[in-house]
C-alpha atoms as a PDB file:
ATOM      1  CA  MET A   1    -215.228 190.233  14.164  1.00  0.00           C
ATOM      2  CA  ILE A   2    -213.817 193.728  13.700  1.00  0.00           C
ATOM      3  CA  TYR A   3    -213.105 194.732  17.707  1.00  0.00           C
ATOM      4  CA  LYS A   4    -212.622 190.615  18.217  1.00  0.00           C
ATOM      5  CA  LYS A   5    -209.441 191.418  16.161  1.00  0.00           C
ATOM      6  CA  ILE A   6    -208.508 194.435  17.393  1.00  0.00           C
ATOM      7  CA  GLU A   7    -208.381 193.669  21.121  1.00  0.00           C
ATOM      8  CA  LYS A   8    -206.148 190.107  20.063  1.00  0.00           C
ATOM      9  CA  PHE A   9    -203.828 192.710  18.612  1.00  0.00           C
ATOM     10  CA  PHE A  10    -203.409 195.058  21.862  1.00  0.00           C
ATOM     11  CA  ASP A  11    -203.562 191.915  23.521  1.00  0.00           C
ATOM     12  CA  LYS A  12    -200.240 190.858  21.480  1.00  0.00           C
ATOM     13  CA  TYR A  13    -198.879 194.479  21.992  1.00  0.00           C
ATOM     14  CA  PHE A  14    -199.787 194.881  26.159  1.00  0.00           C
ATOM     15  CA  GLU A  15    -197.803 191.861  26.074  1.00  0.00           C
ATOM     16  CA  ILE A  16    -194.719 193.068  24.577  1.00  0.00           C
ATOM     17  CA  LYS A  17    -194.409 196.222  25.314  1.00  0.00           C
ATOM     18  CA  MET A  18    -196.187 196.375  28.366  1.00  0.00           C
ATOM     19  CA  PHE A  19    -194.901 193.325  30.397  1.00  0.00           C
ATOM     20  CA  PRO A  20    -191.841 194.869  31.673  1.00  0.00           C
ATOM     21  CA  ILE A  21    -193.294 197.848  32.976  1.00  0.00           C
ATOM     22  CA  VAL A  22    -196.984 195.800  34.752  1.00  0.00           C
ATOM     23  CA  ILE A  23    -193.994 193.896  36.047  1.00  0.00           C
ATOM     24  CA  LYS A  24    -192.247 197.097  37.768  1.00  0.00           C
ATOM     25  CA  ILE A  25    -195.027 198.925  39.668  1.00  0.00           C
ATOM     26  CA  LEU A  26    -196.586 195.715  40.854  1.00  0.00           C
ATOM     27  CA  LYS A  27    -193.129 195.689  41.785  1.00  0.00           C
ATOM     28  CA  SER A  28    -193.137 198.352  43.375  1.00  0.00           C
ATOM     29  CA  VAL A  29    -196.973 198.428  44.462  1.00  0.00           C
ATOM     30  CA  PRO A  30    -196.633 196.713  48.405  1.00  0.00           C
ATOM     31  CA  GLU A  31    -201.001 195.000  46.972  1.00  0.00           C
ATOM     32  CA  GLY A  32    -198.821 194.121  43.601  1.00  0.00           C
ATOM     33  CA  HIS A  33    -196.693 191.379  45.115  1.00  0.00           C
ATOM     34  CA  LYS A  34    -200.015 189.247  45.890  1.00  0.00           C
ATOM     35  CA  ILE A  35    -201.157 189.649  42.062  1.00  0.00           C
ATOM     36  CA  LEU A  36    -198.022 188.731  40.881  1.00  0.00           C
ATOM     37  CA  ILE A  37    -198.172 185.520  43.413  1.00  0.00           C
ATOM     38  CA  SER A  38    -201.776 184.599  42.968  1.00  0.00           C
END
């Protein structure tokens, strides 16, 4: 149960903090474009 709560927290945290960074990384990597499209 505690693990699930931590997982949810990290999901929210990474969505907010990491999403722009992840998009930048994906755009800079050729394979990233395929991931973004799918």
